[in-house]
């Protein structure tokens, strides 16, 4: 071929149907991506709103927990005295408040059995006949709000059986 022939051989003009089909496919792809992004946005907003409501409830419940603790201490003190009406009234308030908090999702952290560092705080470790790592005393109840630890249970755990003292050779 000569140079003139090479210049005359150019790419064929694109078929208008193919151009339109390519544009259609690009617009469809962009629309599908935008739809997926919007679905993800909607799910994220719903999750954020749910978490915000849970945190607002958590704040209120967290403030009420010390009241529940005070009522429990008052019940313990009142049971040692003959003031039955006081005790009955405090029990009624305690039951009412505990029921209200339970309806809001508050539950006690289980403290029977082995120590769980995710929901319990070991304040002391003492020798005992129990297996090592077993909870032997609860110093302060812990609470869960849903699956979130609101306050860890403060416990004393077993360090295992006491070791016999060895006599020193001196």
N, C-alpha and C. Protein backbone atom coordinates (compact mmCIF):
# COMPACT_ATOMS: atom_id res chain seq x y z
N UNK A 1 0.85 -1.17 0.00
CA UNK A 1 0.00 0.00 0.00
C UNK A 1 0.89 1.22 0.00
N UNK A 2 0.37 2.20 -0.60
CA UNK A 2 1.09 3.46 -0.63
C UNK A 2 0.60 4.32 0.49
N UNK A 3 1.28 5.43 0.70
CA UNK A 3 0.89 6.31 1.80
C UNK A 3 -0.51 6.84 1.60
N UNK A 4 -0.90 7.09 0.38
CA UNK A 4 -2.24 7.59 0.11
C UNK A 4 -3.29 6.58 0.52
N UNK A 5 -3.04 5.33 0.25
CA UNK A 5 -3.99 4.27 0.60
C UNK A 5 -4.09 4.11 2.12
N UNK A 6 -2.98 4.27 2.83
CA UNK A 6 -2.99 4.13 4.28
C UNK A 6 -3.82 5.23 4.89
N UNK A 7 -3.72 6.44 4.35
CA UNK A 7 -4.49 7.55 4.88
C UNK A 7 -5.97 7.37 4.61
N UNK A 8 -6.32 6.76 3.53
CA UNK A 8 -7.72 6.54 3.19
C UNK A 8 -8.33 5.41 4.02
N UNK A 9 -7.48 4.48 4.55
CA UNK A 9 -7.99 3.38 5.34
C UNK A 9 -8.03 3.87 6.80
N UNK A 10 -9.16 4.32 7.23
CA UNK A 10 -9.35 4.78 8.61
C UNK A 10 -10.32 3.82 9.28
N UNK A 11 -10.45 3.98 10.55
CA UNK A 11 -11.38 3.11 11.25
C UNK A 11 -12.78 3.39 10.77
N UNK A 12 -13.55 2.33 10.64
CA UNK A 12 -14.92 2.56 10.17
C UNK A 12 -15.68 3.37 11.21
N UNK A 13 -16.60 4.14 10.78
CA UNK A 13 -17.42 4.96 11.69
C UNK A 13 -18.21 4.02 12.60
N UNK A 14 -18.29 4.39 13.87
CA UNK A 14 -19.00 3.55 14.83
C UNK A 14 -20.48 3.52 14.49
N UNK A 15 -21.04 2.35 14.65
CA UNK A 15 -22.45 2.16 14.38
C UNK A 15 -23.24 2.92 15.45
N UNK A 16 -24.20 3.77 15.10
CA UNK A 16 -24.95 4.55 16.09
C UNK A 16 -25.71 3.65 17.09
N UNK A 17 -26.10 2.48 16.68
CA UNK A 17 -26.81 1.57 17.59
C UNK A 17 -25.85 1.07 18.68
N UNK A 18 -24.61 0.77 18.27
CA UNK A 18 -23.62 0.33 19.24
C UNK A 18 -23.28 1.45 20.22
N UNK A 19 -23.19 2.66 19.75
CA UNK A 19 -22.89 3.80 20.62
C UNK A 19 -24.02 3.98 21.63
N UNK A 20 -25.23 3.91 21.18
CA UNK A 20 -26.38 4.05 22.07
C UNK A 20 -26.45 2.90 23.08
N UNK A 21 -26.15 1.69 22.64
CA UNK A 21 -26.17 0.53 23.54
C UNK A 21 -25.09 0.68 24.61
N UNK A 22 -23.90 1.17 24.23
CA UNK A 22 -22.81 1.38 25.19
C UNK A 22 -23.21 2.45 26.21
N UNK A 23 -23.80 3.54 25.75
CA UNK A 23 -24.26 4.61 26.66
C UNK A 23 -25.33 4.08 27.61
N UNK A 24 -26.24 3.29 27.06
CA UNK A 24 -27.30 2.71 27.88
C UNK A 24 -26.70 1.84 28.97
N UNK A 25 -25.73 0.99 28.62
CA UNK A 25 -25.08 0.11 29.59
C UNK A 25 -24.35 0.93 30.66
N UNK A 26 -23.69 2.02 30.25
CA UNK A 26 -22.98 2.87 31.22
C UNK A 26 -23.97 3.52 32.19
N UNK A 27 -25.10 4.03 31.66
CA UNK A 27 -26.12 4.64 32.52
C UNK A 27 -26.74 3.61 33.47
N UNK A 28 -26.98 2.41 32.95
CA UNK A 28 -27.55 1.35 33.78
C UNK A 28 -26.59 0.97 34.90
N UNK A 29 -25.31 0.84 34.58
CA UNK A 29 -24.29 0.53 35.59
C UNK A 29 -24.23 1.63 36.66
N UNK A 30 -24.24 2.90 36.22
CA UNK A 30 -24.20 4.02 37.17
C UNK A 30 -25.44 4.01 38.06
N UNK A 31 -26.59 3.72 37.48
CA UNK A 31 -27.83 3.68 38.24
C UNK A 31 -27.82 2.54 39.27
N UNK A 32 -27.31 1.38 38.87
CA UNK A 32 -27.23 0.25 39.80
C UNK A 32 -26.28 0.54 40.95
N UNK A 33 -25.15 1.19 40.66
CA UNK A 33 -24.21 1.57 41.72
C UNK A 33 -24.85 2.58 42.68
N UNK A 34 -25.56 3.55 42.11
CA UNK A 34 -26.21 4.56 42.94
C UNK A 34 -27.28 3.93 43.82
N UNK A 35 -28.02 2.97 43.29
CA UNK A 35 -29.04 2.27 44.06
C UNK A 35 -28.40 1.49 45.21
N UNK A 36 -27.30 0.80 44.94
CA UNK A 36 -26.60 0.04 45.99
C UNK A 36 -26.05 0.98 47.07
N UNK A 37 -25.49 2.11 46.67
CA UNK A 37 -24.99 3.09 47.64
C UNK A 37 -26.13 3.62 48.51
N UNK A 38 -27.27 3.89 47.90
CA UNK A 38 -28.41 4.40 48.66
C UNK A 38 -28.93 3.35 49.64
N UNK A 39 -28.98 2.09 49.21
CA UNK A 39 -29.41 1.01 50.12
C UNK A 39 -28.46 0.92 51.32
N UNK A 40 -27.16 0.99 51.06
CA UNK A 40 -26.18 0.95 52.15
C UNK A 40 -26.35 2.15 53.07
N UNK A 41 -26.59 3.33 52.51
CA UNK A 41 -26.81 4.55 53.31
C UNK A 41 -28.03 4.37 54.20
N UNK A 42 -29.12 3.87 53.63
CA UNK A 42 -30.35 3.69 54.39
C UNK A 42 -30.14 2.71 55.55
N UNK A 43 -29.43 1.61 55.30
CA UNK A 43 -29.14 0.64 56.35
C UNK A 43 -28.25 1.25 57.43
N UNK A 44 -27.26 2.04 57.04
CA UNK A 44 -26.35 2.67 58.01
C UNK A 44 -27.10 3.66 58.89
N UNK A 45 -28.00 4.45 58.28
CA UNK A 45 -28.78 5.42 59.05
C UNK A 45 -29.70 4.70 60.04
N UNK A 46 -30.33 3.63 59.61
CA UNK A 46 -31.21 2.87 60.51
C UNK A 46 -30.41 2.29 61.67
N UNK A 47 -29.21 1.76 61.39
CA UNK A 47 -28.36 1.20 62.44
C UNK A 47 -27.91 2.31 63.41
N UNK A 48 -27.53 3.46 62.87
CA UNK A 48 -27.10 4.59 63.71
C UNK A 48 -28.24 5.07 64.60
N UNK A 49 -29.46 5.13 64.06
CA UNK A 49 -30.60 5.56 64.86
C UNK A 49 -30.89 4.56 65.98
N UNK A 50 -30.78 3.28 65.67
CA UNK A 50 -30.99 2.24 66.69
C UNK A 50 -29.95 2.36 67.80
N UNK A 51 -28.68 2.57 67.43
CA UNK A 51 -27.62 2.71 68.42
C UNK A 51 -27.81 3.97 69.25
N UNK A 52 -28.25 5.05 68.63
CA UNK A 52 -28.49 6.29 69.36
C UNK A 52 -29.60 6.11 70.39
N UNK A 53 -30.67 5.45 70.01
CA UNK A 53 -31.76 5.19 70.95
C UNK A 53 -31.28 4.29 72.09
N UNK A 54 -30.47 3.30 71.77
CA UNK A 54 -29.95 2.39 72.81
C UNK A 54 -29.05 3.16 73.77
N UNK A 55 -28.23 4.05 73.26
CA UNK A 55 -27.33 4.83 74.13
C UNK A 55 -28.12 5.79 75.01
N UNK A 56 -29.18 6.38 74.49
CA UNK A 56 -30.01 7.28 75.30
C UNK A 56 -30.65 6.50 76.44
N UNK A 57 -31.15 5.33 76.14
CA UNK A 57 -31.74 4.47 77.16
C UNK A 57 -30.68 4.04 78.16
N UNK A 58 -29.48 3.76 77.67
CA UNK A 58 -28.38 3.34 78.54
C UNK A 58 -28.05 4.42 79.57
N UNK A 59 -28.03 5.67 79.14
CA UNK A 59 -27.70 6.78 80.04
C UNK A 59 -28.69 6.85 81.19
N UNK A 60 -29.98 6.73 80.88
CA UNK A 60 -31.01 6.80 81.92
C UNK A 60 -30.91 5.61 82.86
N UNK A 61 -30.76 4.43 82.30
CA UNK A 61 -30.69 3.23 83.13
C UNK A 61 -29.44 3.27 84.00
N UNK A 62 -28.34 3.75 83.45
CA UNK A 62 -27.09 3.83 84.22
C UNK A 62 -27.25 4.74 85.43
N UNK A 63 -28.02 5.80 85.29
CA UNK A 63 -28.25 6.71 86.41
C UNK A 63 -29.18 6.09 87.45
N UNK A 64 -30.05 5.18 87.04
CA UNK A 64 -30.99 4.55 87.98
C UNK A 64 -30.37 3.37 88.75
N UNK A 65 -29.30 2.80 88.24
CA UNK A 65 -28.69 1.64 88.91
C UNK A 65 -28.25 1.96 90.34
N UNK A 66 -27.60 3.10 90.62
CA UNK A 66 -27.25 3.39 92.01
C UNK A 66 -28.48 3.47 92.93
N UNK A 67 -29.60 3.93 92.41
CA UNK A 67 -30.84 3.98 93.20
C UNK A 67 -31.25 2.56 93.58
N UNK A 68 -31.16 1.66 92.63
CA UNK A 68 -31.48 0.26 92.88
C UNK A 68 -30.54 -0.31 93.95
N UNK A 69 -29.24 0.03 93.87
CA UNK A 69 -28.28 -0.42 94.88
C UNK A 69 -28.64 0.12 96.26
N UNK A 70 -29.00 1.40 96.34
CA UNK A 70 -29.35 2.00 97.63
C UNK A 70 -30.58 1.32 98.23
N UNK A 71 -31.57 1.02 97.41
CA UNK A 71 -32.76 0.35 97.91
C UNK A 71 -32.42 -1.05 98.43
N UNK A 72 -31.53 -1.75 97.75
CA UNK A 72 -31.13 -3.08 98.22
C UNK A 72 -30.43 -2.98 99.58
N UNK A 73 -29.57 -1.98 99.74
CA UNK A 73 -28.90 -1.80 101.04
C UNK A 73 -29.91 -1.45 102.13
N UNK A 74 -30.90 -0.61 101.79
CA UNK A 74 -31.93 -0.24 102.76
C UNK A 74 -32.74 -1.47 103.17
N UNK A 75 -33.03 -2.33 102.20
CA UNK A 75 -33.77 -3.56 102.51
C UNK A 75 -32.97 -4.45 103.46
N UNK A 76 -31.68 -4.57 103.24
CA UNK A 76 -30.84 -5.38 104.12
C UNK A 76 -30.84 -4.82 105.54
N UNK A 77 -30.72 -3.49 105.67
CA UNK A 77 -30.71 -2.86 106.98
C UNK A 77 -32.07 -2.97 107.66
N UNK A 78 -33.14 -2.80 106.89
CA UNK A 78 -34.49 -2.84 107.46
C UNK A 78 -34.86 -4.25 107.91
N UNK A 79 -34.34 -5.27 107.24
CA UNK A 79 -34.70 -6.64 107.61
C UNK A 79 -34.12 -7.02 108.97
N UNK A 80 -33.11 -6.30 109.42
CA UNK A 80 -32.52 -6.58 110.73
C UNK A 80 -33.32 -5.95 111.87
N UNK A 81 -34.25 -5.06 111.55
CA UNK A 81 -35.05 -4.39 112.56
C UNK A 81 -36.50 -4.83 112.44
N UNK A 82 -37.32 -4.45 113.43
CA UNK A 82 -38.72 -4.88 113.45
C UNK A 82 -39.65 -3.92 112.71
N UNK A 83 -39.11 -3.06 111.90
CA UNK A 83 -39.94 -2.08 111.19
C UNK A 83 -40.48 -2.69 109.91
N UNK A 84 -41.48 -3.53 110.07
CA UNK A 84 -42.01 -4.31 108.95
C UNK A 84 -42.64 -3.42 107.89
N UNK A 85 -43.30 -2.35 108.28
CA UNK A 85 -43.96 -1.49 107.30
C UNK A 85 -42.93 -0.77 106.44
N UNK A 86 -41.84 -0.32 107.05
CA UNK A 86 -40.77 0.32 106.28
C UNK A 86 -40.20 -0.67 105.29
N UNK A 87 -39.94 -1.85 105.78
CA UNK A 87 -39.37 -2.87 104.90
C UNK A 87 -40.32 -3.20 103.76
N UNK A 88 -41.60 -3.32 104.05
CA UNK A 88 -42.58 -3.63 103.00
C UNK A 88 -42.62 -2.52 101.96
N UNK A 89 -42.60 -1.27 102.42
CA UNK A 89 -42.62 -0.13 101.49
C UNK A 89 -41.38 -0.08 100.61
N UNK A 90 -40.22 -0.30 101.22
CA UNK A 90 -38.98 -0.28 100.45
C UNK A 90 -38.96 -1.44 99.47
N UNK A 91 -39.47 -2.59 99.89
CA UNK A 91 -39.54 -3.74 98.97
C UNK A 91 -40.44 -3.42 97.77
N UNK A 92 -41.54 -2.76 98.02
CA UNK A 92 -42.45 -2.39 96.94
C UNK A 92 -41.75 -1.47 95.94
N UNK A 93 -41.05 -0.45 96.46
CA UNK A 93 -40.32 0.48 95.58
C UNK A 93 -39.22 -0.26 94.82
N UNK A 94 -38.51 -1.11 95.54
CA UNK A 94 -37.43 -1.88 94.90
C UNK A 94 -37.97 -2.76 93.78
N UNK A 95 -39.06 -3.47 94.06
CA UNK A 95 -39.67 -4.35 93.05
C UNK A 95 -40.13 -3.54 91.84
N UNK A 96 -40.73 -2.39 92.10
CA UNK A 96 -41.22 -1.53 91.02
C UNK A 96 -40.07 -1.02 90.15
N UNK A 97 -39.02 -0.53 90.80
CA UNK A 97 -37.87 0.00 90.06
C UNK A 97 -37.16 -1.12 89.30
N UNK A 98 -36.99 -2.27 89.93
CA UNK A 98 -36.34 -3.40 89.27
C UNK A 98 -37.15 -3.85 88.05
N UNK A 99 -38.48 -3.85 88.18
CA UNK A 99 -39.33 -4.22 87.04
C UNK A 99 -39.23 -3.22 85.90
N UNK A 100 -39.21 -1.94 86.25
CA UNK A 100 -39.08 -0.89 85.23
C UNK A 100 -37.76 -1.03 84.48
N UNK A 101 -36.68 -1.23 85.23
CA UNK A 101 -35.37 -1.37 84.59
C UNK A 101 -35.30 -2.65 83.75
N UNK A 102 -35.94 -3.71 84.20
CA UNK A 102 -35.96 -4.96 83.43
C UNK A 102 -36.71 -4.76 82.12
N UNK A 103 -37.80 -4.00 82.15
CA UNK A 103 -38.53 -3.73 80.91
C UNK A 103 -37.70 -2.89 79.95
N UNK A 104 -36.78 -2.10 80.47
CA UNK A 104 -35.89 -1.30 79.63
C UNK A 104 -34.72 -2.13 79.10
N UNK A 105 -34.63 -3.38 79.54
CA UNK A 105 -33.59 -4.28 79.03
C UNK A 105 -32.46 -4.54 80.01
N UNK A 106 -32.59 -4.10 81.26
CA UNK A 106 -31.54 -4.31 82.25
C UNK A 106 -31.62 -5.74 82.79
N UNK A 107 -30.47 -6.39 82.89
CA UNK A 107 -30.39 -7.73 83.45
C UNK A 107 -29.12 -7.82 84.28
N UNK A 108 -29.17 -8.64 85.33
CA UNK A 108 -27.98 -8.82 86.17
C UNK A 108 -26.96 -9.66 85.43
N UNK A 109 -25.68 -9.33 85.65
CA UNK A 109 -24.59 -10.14 85.11
C UNK A 109 -24.57 -11.44 85.90
N UNK A 110 -24.63 -12.59 85.25
CA UNK A 110 -24.58 -13.86 85.98
C UNK A 110 -23.23 -14.00 86.71
N UNK A 111 -23.30 -14.40 87.97
CA UNK A 111 -22.07 -14.52 88.77
C UNK A 111 -21.92 -15.90 89.39
N UNK A 112 -22.62 -16.87 88.84
CA UNK A 112 -22.46 -18.23 89.36
C UNK A 112 -21.49 -18.97 88.46
N UNK A 113 -20.54 -19.60 89.06
CA UNK A 113 -19.58 -20.37 88.27
C UNK A 113 -18.26 -19.66 88.07
N UNK A 114 -17.71 -19.79 86.87
CA UNK A 114 -16.37 -19.29 86.56
C UNK A 114 -16.37 -17.78 86.31
N UNK A 115 -15.22 -17.19 86.58
CA UNK A 115 -15.01 -15.76 86.36
C UNK A 115 -14.99 -15.47 84.87
N UNK A 116 -15.69 -14.41 84.45
CA UNK A 116 -15.73 -13.97 83.06
C UNK A 116 -15.20 -12.54 82.99
N UNK A 117 -14.00 -12.33 82.46
CA UNK A 117 -13.40 -10.99 82.45
C UNK A 117 -14.16 -9.99 81.56
N UNK A 118 -15.05 -10.48 80.71
CA UNK A 118 -15.81 -9.58 79.84
C UNK A 118 -16.96 -8.90 80.56
N UNK A 119 -17.45 -9.52 81.63
CA UNK A 119 -18.61 -8.95 82.32
C UNK A 119 -18.40 -8.85 83.83
N UNK A 120 -17.22 -9.21 84.29
CA UNK A 120 -16.95 -9.20 85.73
C UNK A 120 -15.58 -8.60 86.00
N UNK A 121 -15.45 -8.01 87.18
CA UNK A 121 -14.19 -7.41 87.60
C UNK A 121 -13.76 -8.10 88.90
N UNK A 122 -12.60 -8.75 88.87
CA UNK A 122 -12.11 -9.44 90.06
C UNK A 122 -11.36 -8.43 90.93
N UNK A 123 -11.89 -8.17 92.12
CA UNK A 123 -11.25 -7.23 93.03
C UNK A 123 -10.27 -7.93 93.95
N UNK A 124 -10.51 -9.20 94.24
CA UNK A 124 -9.66 -9.97 95.14
C UNK A 124 -9.57 -11.41 94.64
N UNK A 125 -8.48 -12.04 95.00
CA UNK A 125 -8.31 -13.47 94.74
C UNK A 125 -7.90 -14.09 96.07
N UNK A 126 -8.71 -15.02 96.57
CA UNK A 126 -8.46 -15.61 97.88
C UNK A 126 -8.36 -17.12 97.78
N UNK A 127 -7.51 -17.72 98.61
CA UNK A 127 -7.48 -19.19 98.64
C UNK A 127 -8.82 -19.72 99.17
N UNK A 128 -9.32 -20.77 98.57
CA UNK A 128 -10.55 -21.40 99.04
C UNK A 128 -10.57 -22.83 98.52
N UNK A 129 -11.53 -23.58 99.00
CA UNK A 129 -11.68 -24.96 98.58
C UNK A 129 -12.26 -25.06 97.17
N UNK A 130 -12.78 -23.96 96.64
CA UNK A 130 -13.34 -23.95 95.29
C UNK A 130 -12.21 -24.04 94.26
N UNK A 131 -12.56 -24.44 93.06
CA UNK A 131 -11.60 -24.51 91.96
C UNK A 131 -11.09 -23.10 91.63
N UNK A 132 -9.86 -23.00 91.21
CA UNK A 132 -9.26 -21.70 90.87
C UNK A 132 -10.07 -21.01 89.77
N UNK A 133 -10.36 -19.72 89.95
CA UNK A 133 -11.12 -18.95 88.97
C UNK A 133 -12.61 -18.97 89.19
N UNK A 134 -13.07 -19.66 90.24
CA UNK A 134 -14.49 -19.71 90.56
C UNK A 134 -14.86 -18.50 91.41
N UNK A 135 -16.01 -17.93 91.17
CA UNK A 135 -16.47 -16.79 91.96
C UNK A 135 -16.93 -17.30 93.32
N UNK A 136 -16.37 -16.69 94.39
CA UNK A 136 -16.75 -17.13 95.73
C UNK A 136 -17.56 -16.07 96.47
N UNK A 137 -17.52 -14.82 95.99
CA UNK A 137 -18.31 -13.77 96.63
C UNK A 137 -18.56 -12.65 95.63
N UNK A 138 -19.77 -12.09 95.68
CA UNK A 138 -20.11 -10.95 94.84
C UNK A 138 -20.12 -9.72 95.74
N UNK A 139 -19.24 -8.77 95.43
CA UNK A 139 -19.17 -7.55 96.23
C UNK A 139 -20.16 -6.50 95.73
N UNK A 140 -20.36 -6.45 94.42
CA UNK A 140 -21.33 -5.53 93.83
C UNK A 140 -21.88 -6.16 92.56
N UNK A 141 -23.20 -6.16 92.43
CA UNK A 141 -23.83 -6.74 91.25
C UNK A 141 -23.42 -5.97 90.00
N UNK A 142 -23.34 -6.70 88.91
CA UNK A 142 -23.10 -6.09 87.61
C UNK A 142 -24.37 -6.14 86.79
N UNK A 143 -24.46 -5.28 85.78
CA UNK A 143 -25.68 -5.21 84.98
C UNK A 143 -25.36 -5.16 83.50
N UNK A 144 -26.25 -5.80 82.72
CA UNK A 144 -26.20 -5.78 81.27
C UNK A 144 -27.40 -4.99 80.76
N UNK A 145 -27.20 -4.23 79.72
CA UNK A 145 -28.31 -3.57 79.03
C UNK A 145 -28.29 -4.14 77.63
N UNK A 146 -29.21 -5.06 77.36
CA UNK A 146 -29.15 -5.81 76.11
C UNK A 146 -27.93 -6.71 76.18
N UNK A 147 -27.04 -6.59 75.19
CA UNK A 147 -25.81 -7.39 75.22
C UNK A 147 -24.60 -6.55 75.61
N UNK A 148 -24.85 -5.32 76.06
CA UNK A 148 -23.78 -4.39 76.45
C UNK A 148 -23.60 -4.40 77.97
N UNK A 149 -22.35 -4.52 78.43
CA UNK A 149 -22.09 -4.49 79.88
C UNK A 149 -22.19 -3.05 80.35
N UNK A 150 -23.21 -2.80 81.18
CA UNK A 150 -23.42 -1.46 81.72
C UNK A 150 -22.47 -1.21 82.89
N UNK A 151 -22.37 -2.21 83.75
CA UNK A 151 -21.44 -2.15 84.88
C UNK A 151 -21.01 -3.58 85.17
N UNK A 152 -19.68 -3.82 85.23
CA UNK A 152 -19.24 -5.19 85.51
C UNK A 152 -19.54 -5.57 86.95
N UNK A 153 -19.77 -6.84 87.17
CA UNK A 153 -19.94 -7.35 88.53
C UNK A 153 -18.58 -7.34 89.21
N UNK A 154 -18.54 -6.84 90.43
CA UNK A 154 -17.28 -6.82 91.19
C UNK A 154 -17.30 -8.03 92.13
N UNK A 155 -16.31 -8.92 91.92
CA UNK A 155 -16.35 -10.22 92.58
C UNK A 155 -15.01 -10.56 93.23
N UNK A 156 -15.08 -11.55 94.12
CA UNK A 156 -13.90 -12.17 94.71
C UNK A 156 -13.83 -13.56 94.10
N UNK A 157 -12.64 -13.93 93.59
CA UNK A 157 -12.50 -15.24 92.97
C UNK A 157 -11.56 -16.12 93.78
N UNK A 158 -11.69 -17.41 93.57
CA UNK A 158 -10.88 -18.39 94.28
C UNK A 158 -9.50 -18.46 93.64
N UNK A 159 -8.50 -18.54 94.49
CA UNK A 159 -7.13 -18.75 94.02
C UNK A 159 -6.77 -20.24 94.11
N UNK A 160 -7.74 -21.06 94.40
CA UNK A 160 -7.51 -22.49 94.54
C UNK A 160 -7.32 -22.85 96.01
N UNK A 161 -7.10 -24.12 96.29
CA UNK A 161 -6.91 -24.54 97.68
C UNK A 161 -5.67 -23.89 98.29
N UNK A 162 -5.72 -23.60 99.58
CA UNK A 162 -4.55 -22.99 100.22
C UNK A 162 -3.36 -23.96 100.18
N UNK A 163 -2.20 -23.41 99.93
CA UNK A 163 -0.98 -24.22 99.87
C UNK A 163 -0.45 -24.40 101.30
N UNK A 164 -0.05 -25.61 101.66
CA UNK A 164 0.50 -25.80 103.01
C UNK A 164 1.81 -25.02 103.15
N UNK A 165 1.99 -24.41 104.30
CA UNK A 165 3.21 -23.64 104.55
C UNK A 165 4.39 -24.60 104.67
N UNK A 166 5.47 -24.28 104.02
CA UNK A 166 6.65 -25.13 104.06
C UNK A 166 7.57 -24.63 105.17
N UNK A 167 8.05 -25.56 105.98
CA UNK A 167 8.97 -25.18 107.06
C UNK A 167 10.33 -24.87 106.47
N UNK A 168 10.91 -23.81 106.91
CA UNK A 168 12.22 -23.42 106.38
C UNK A 168 13.32 -24.12 107.18
N UNK A 169 14.29 -24.62 106.46
CA UNK A 169 15.43 -25.29 107.11
C UNK A 169 16.44 -24.21 107.48
N UNK A 170 16.63 -23.97 108.74
CA UNK A 170 17.47 -22.87 109.10
C UNK A 170 18.43 -23.18 110.09
